[in-house]
Amino acid sequence: MTIELKPEIEALIQEHIQRGPYRTTSEFVEQAVRMLHQEEELWAIEKEEIGEKIERGLGEFERGEYLSEEESRARRQEHKATWLAQRLTR
């Protein structure tokens, strides 16, 4: 297979070959394609999960199960404080 790349992409590949674990352009492209494929598979799964969460949230809203603006802000602040505390203890 022959492919044409923009010069800046070719230069990027050469940089990775010179400094990284790839010995050839083929090795680099093979790994890049594998990684892209894995990323697309994960995105497909996440997309489905996001859709389910949106549907669940809309259902809750329709049933009147939602937070006020103040409650939402307080909850976000609690989550942020917990997240920051966890990051600082690492």
N, C-alpha and C. Protein backbone atom coordinates (compact mmCIF):
# COMPACT_ATOMS: atom_id res chain seq x y z
N MET A 1 0.84 -1.17 0.00
CA MET A 1 0.00 0.00 0.00
C MET A 1 0.89 1.23 0.00
N THR A 2 0.49 2.20 -0.77
CA THR A 2 1.21 3.46 -0.82
C THR A 2 0.28 4.56 -0.35
N ILE A 3 0.79 5.40 0.53
CA ILE A 3 -0.02 6.53 0.99
C ILE A 3 0.80 7.81 0.85
N GLU A 4 0.09 8.92 0.65
CA GLU A 4 0.75 10.21 0.55
C GLU A 4 0.44 11.00 1.82
N LEU A 5 1.48 11.56 2.42
CA LEU A 5 1.33 12.34 3.64
C LEU A 5 1.83 13.75 3.42
N LYS A 6 1.26 14.67 4.16
CA LYS A 6 1.76 16.05 4.12
C LYS A 6 3.16 16.05 4.71
N PRO A 7 4.01 16.95 4.24
CA PRO A 7 5.39 16.99 4.74
C PRO A 7 5.49 17.11 6.26
N GLU A 8 4.58 17.89 6.88
CA GLU A 8 4.65 18.05 8.34
C GLU A 8 4.32 16.74 9.07
N ILE A 9 3.47 15.90 8.48
CA ILE A 9 3.17 14.60 9.09
C ILE A 9 4.36 13.67 8.92
N GLU A 10 4.97 13.70 7.76
CA GLU A 10 6.17 12.88 7.54
C GLU A 10 7.26 13.27 8.53
N ALA A 11 7.44 14.56 8.75
CA ALA A 11 8.46 15.03 9.70
C ALA A 11 8.13 14.56 11.12
N LEU A 12 6.87 14.60 11.48
CA LEU A 12 6.44 14.14 12.80
C LEU A 12 6.76 12.65 12.99
N ILE A 13 6.47 11.87 11.98
CA ILE A 13 6.78 10.43 12.03
C ILE A 13 8.27 10.21 12.17
N GLN A 14 9.07 10.94 11.40
CA GLN A 14 10.52 10.79 11.48
C GLN A 14 11.05 11.16 12.86
N GLU A 15 10.46 12.19 13.49
CA GLU A 15 10.86 12.55 14.85
C GLU A 15 10.62 11.38 15.81
N HIS A 16 9.46 10.75 15.68
CA HIS A 16 9.14 9.63 16.56
C HIS A 16 10.07 8.44 16.32
N ILE A 17 10.41 8.21 15.09
CA ILE A 17 11.32 7.10 14.76
C ILE A 17 12.70 7.36 15.33
N GLN A 18 13.17 8.59 15.23
CA GLN A 18 14.51 8.93 15.71
C GLN A 18 14.62 8.87 17.23
N ARG A 19 13.56 9.20 17.95
CA ARG A 19 13.67 9.25 19.41
C ARG A 19 12.92 8.13 20.13
N GLY A 20 12.12 7.39 19.40
CA GLY A 20 11.24 6.44 20.09
C GLY A 20 11.54 4.99 19.80
N PRO A 21 10.62 4.15 20.21
CA PRO A 21 10.81 2.71 20.06
C PRO A 21 10.55 2.19 18.64
N TYR A 22 10.16 3.07 17.74
CA TYR A 22 9.83 2.63 16.37
C TYR A 22 11.08 2.65 15.52
N ARG A 23 11.29 1.54 14.80
CA ARG A 23 12.47 1.46 13.95
C ARG A 23 12.18 1.87 12.51
N THR A 24 10.89 1.72 12.12
CA THR A 24 10.53 2.04 10.74
C THR A 24 9.22 2.81 10.70
N THR A 25 8.98 3.43 9.56
CA THR A 25 7.72 4.13 9.35
C THR A 25 6.56 3.15 9.46
N SER A 26 6.73 1.95 8.95
CA SER A 26 5.67 0.95 9.01
C SER A 26 5.30 0.62 10.46
N GLU A 27 6.30 0.44 11.32
CA GLU A 27 6.01 0.17 12.73
C GLU A 27 5.21 1.30 13.34
N PHE A 28 5.62 2.53 13.05
CA PHE A 28 4.93 3.68 13.61
C PHE A 28 3.48 3.74 13.12
N VAL A 29 3.28 3.59 11.84
CA VAL A 29 1.93 3.67 11.27
C VAL A 29 1.06 2.54 11.79
N GLU A 30 1.62 1.32 11.90
CA GLU A 30 0.85 0.20 12.43
C GLU A 30 0.36 0.50 13.85
N GLN A 31 1.26 1.02 14.69
CA GLN A 31 0.87 1.34 16.07
C GLN A 31 -0.16 2.47 16.10
N ALA A 32 0.03 3.47 15.26
CA ALA A 32 -0.91 4.59 15.21
C ALA A 32 -2.31 4.11 14.80
N VAL A 33 -2.37 3.21 13.84
CA VAL A 33 -3.67 2.68 13.39
C VAL A 33 -4.31 1.86 14.51
N ARG A 34 -3.51 1.04 15.19
CA ARG A 34 -4.05 0.26 16.32
C ARG A 34 -4.62 1.18 17.39
N MET A 35 -3.86 2.21 17.74
CA MET A 35 -4.31 3.13 18.78
C MET A 35 -5.58 3.88 18.36
N LEU A 36 -5.65 4.28 17.11
CA LEU A 36 -6.84 4.97 16.61
C LEU A 36 -8.05 4.04 16.67
N HIS A 37 -7.85 2.79 16.29
CA HIS A 37 -8.93 1.81 16.33
C HIS A 37 -9.43 1.62 17.76
N GLN A 38 -8.51 1.47 18.71
CA GLN A 38 -8.89 1.31 20.12
C GLN A 38 -9.64 2.53 20.63
N GLU A 39 -9.15 3.70 20.26
CA GLU A 39 -9.79 4.94 20.70
C GLU A 39 -11.21 5.04 20.15
N GLU A 40 -11.40 4.68 18.89
CA GLU A 40 -12.73 4.72 18.30
C GLU A 40 -13.67 3.71 18.95
N GLU A 41 -13.15 2.53 19.31
CA GLU A 41 -13.97 1.55 20.01
C GLU A 41 -14.40 2.08 21.37
N LEU A 42 -13.46 2.68 22.11
CA LEU A 42 -13.79 3.25 23.42
C LEU A 42 -14.80 4.37 23.27
N TRP A 43 -14.63 5.21 22.27
CA TRP A 43 -15.57 6.31 22.06
C TRP A 43 -16.96 5.78 21.77
N ALA A 44 -17.07 4.71 21.00
CA ALA A 44 -18.38 4.14 20.70
C ALA A 44 -19.06 3.67 21.99
N ILE A 45 -18.30 3.06 22.89
CA ILE A 45 -18.84 2.60 24.16
C ILE A 45 -19.25 3.80 25.01
N GLU A 46 -18.36 4.79 25.10
CA GLU A 46 -18.65 5.99 25.91
C GLU A 46 -19.84 6.75 25.35
N LYS A 47 -19.95 6.80 24.03
CA LYS A 47 -21.07 7.49 23.40
C LYS A 47 -22.39 6.86 23.82
N GLU A 48 -22.42 5.54 23.85
CA GLU A 48 -23.62 4.83 24.27
C GLU A 48 -23.93 5.12 25.74
N GLU A 49 -22.90 5.08 26.58
CA GLU A 49 -23.09 5.37 28.00
C GLU A 49 -23.55 6.80 28.22
N ILE A 50 -23.01 7.73 27.47
CA ILE A 50 -23.42 9.14 27.60
C ILE A 50 -24.89 9.27 27.21
N GLY A 51 -25.29 8.62 26.14
CA GLY A 51 -26.68 8.66 25.72
C GLY A 51 -27.62 8.13 26.80
N GLU A 52 -27.20 7.02 27.43
CA GLU A 52 -28.01 6.45 28.50
C GLU A 52 -28.12 7.41 29.68
N LYS A 53 -27.02 8.07 30.03
CA LYS A 53 -27.05 9.03 31.14
C LYS A 53 -27.95 10.22 30.81
N ILE A 54 -27.91 10.68 29.58
CA ILE A 54 -28.77 11.79 29.17
C ILE A 54 -30.23 11.38 29.29
N GLU A 55 -30.56 10.20 28.79
CA GLU A 55 -31.94 9.72 28.88
C GLU A 55 -32.40 9.60 30.33
N ARG A 56 -31.52 9.07 31.18
CA ARG A 56 -31.85 8.93 32.60
C ARG A 56 -32.08 10.31 33.22
N GLY A 57 -31.20 11.25 32.89
CA GLY A 57 -31.33 12.61 33.42
C GLY A 57 -32.60 13.30 32.96
N LEU A 58 -32.95 13.13 31.69
CA LEU A 58 -34.19 13.72 31.19
C LEU A 58 -35.40 13.14 31.91
N GLY A 59 -35.37 11.83 32.13
CA GLY A 59 -36.47 11.19 32.86
C GLY A 59 -36.60 11.74 34.27
N GLU A 60 -35.48 11.91 34.94
CA GLU A 60 -35.49 12.47 36.29
C GLU A 60 -36.05 13.90 36.28
N PHE A 61 -35.63 14.67 35.29
CA PHE A 61 -36.12 16.05 35.18
C PHE A 61 -37.63 16.08 34.97
N GLU A 62 -38.11 15.22 34.07
CA GLU A 62 -39.54 15.16 33.80
C GLU A 62 -40.35 14.76 35.03
N ARG A 63 -39.74 13.98 35.92
CA ARG A 63 -40.41 13.57 37.16
C ARG A 63 -40.22 14.59 38.28
N GLY A 64 -39.52 15.68 37.97
CA GLY A 64 -39.29 16.71 38.98
C GLY A 64 -38.15 16.39 39.93
N GLU A 65 -37.31 15.45 39.54
CA GLU A 65 -36.19 15.04 40.39
C GLU A 65 -34.92 15.78 39.96
N TYR A 66 -34.85 17.02 40.35
CA TYR A 66 -33.66 17.80 40.00
C TYR A 66 -33.30 18.74 41.14
N LEU A 67 -32.08 19.27 41.07
CA LEU A 67 -31.58 20.16 42.11
C LEU A 67 -31.83 21.61 41.73
N SER A 68 -31.96 22.44 42.75
CA SER A 68 -32.02 23.88 42.50
C SER A 68 -30.63 24.34 42.08
N GLU A 69 -30.55 25.58 41.61
CA GLU A 69 -29.25 26.12 41.22
C GLU A 69 -28.28 26.12 42.40
N GLU A 70 -28.77 26.50 43.57
CA GLU A 70 -27.94 26.56 44.76
C GLU A 70 -27.46 25.17 45.17
N GLU A 71 -28.38 24.20 45.12
CA GLU A 71 -28.01 22.82 45.47
C GLU A 71 -26.97 22.27 44.51
N SER A 72 -27.16 22.58 43.25
CA SER A 72 -26.23 22.11 42.22
C SER A 72 -24.85 22.72 42.43
N ARG A 73 -24.81 24.02 42.71
CA ARG A 73 -23.53 24.71 42.93
C ARG A 73 -22.82 24.12 44.15
N ALA A 74 -23.57 23.88 45.23
CA ALA A 74 -22.98 23.31 46.45
C ALA A 74 -22.44 21.92 46.18
N ARG A 75 -23.16 21.12 45.43
CA ARG A 75 -22.71 19.76 45.12
C ARG A 75 -21.44 19.80 44.28
N ARG A 76 -21.38 20.70 43.30
CA ARG A 76 -20.17 20.83 42.48
C ARG A 76 -18.98 21.23 43.34
N GLN A 77 -19.19 22.14 44.28
CA GLN A 77 -18.11 22.56 45.16
C GLN A 77 -17.63 21.40 46.03
N GLU A 78 -18.55 20.58 46.51
CA GLU A 78 -18.18 19.40 47.31
C GLU A 78 -17.34 18.43 46.47
N HIS A 79 -17.79 18.19 45.24
CA HIS A 79 -17.05 17.28 44.35
C HIS A 79 -15.66 17.83 44.06
N LYS A 80 -15.59 19.14 43.83
CA LYS A 80 -14.30 19.76 43.53
C LYS A 80 -13.36 19.65 44.72
N ALA A 81 -13.88 19.93 45.92
CA ALA A 81 -13.06 19.84 47.13
C ALA A 81 -12.55 18.42 47.35
N THR A 82 -13.41 17.43 47.14
CA THR A 82 -13.01 16.03 47.29
C THR A 82 -11.93 15.67 46.28
N TRP A 83 -12.14 16.08 45.05
CA TRP A 83 -11.18 15.80 43.98
C TRP A 83 -9.83 16.43 44.28
N LEU A 84 -9.84 17.69 44.70
CA LEU A 84 -8.59 18.37 45.03
C LEU A 84 -7.88 17.70 46.19
N ALA A 85 -8.64 17.31 47.21
CA ALA A 85 -8.04 16.64 48.37
C ALA A 85 -7.38 15.33 47.96
N GLN A 86 -8.03 14.59 47.08
CA GLN A 86 -7.46 13.32 46.62
C GLN A 86 -6.18 13.56 45.82
N ARG A 87 -6.16 14.60 45.03
CA ARG A 87 -4.96 14.89 44.22
C ARG A 87 -3.80 15.32 45.10
N LEU A 88 -4.09 16.03 46.16
CA LEU A 88 -3.03 16.52 47.05
C LEU A 88 -2.42 15.41 47.91
N THR A 89 -3.18 14.34 48.14
CA THR A 89 -2.68 13.25 48.99
C THR A 89 -1.90 12.22 48.20
N ARG A 90 -1.78 12.39 46.93
CA ARG A 90 -1.03 11.41 46.10
C ARG A 90 0.44 11.61 46.19
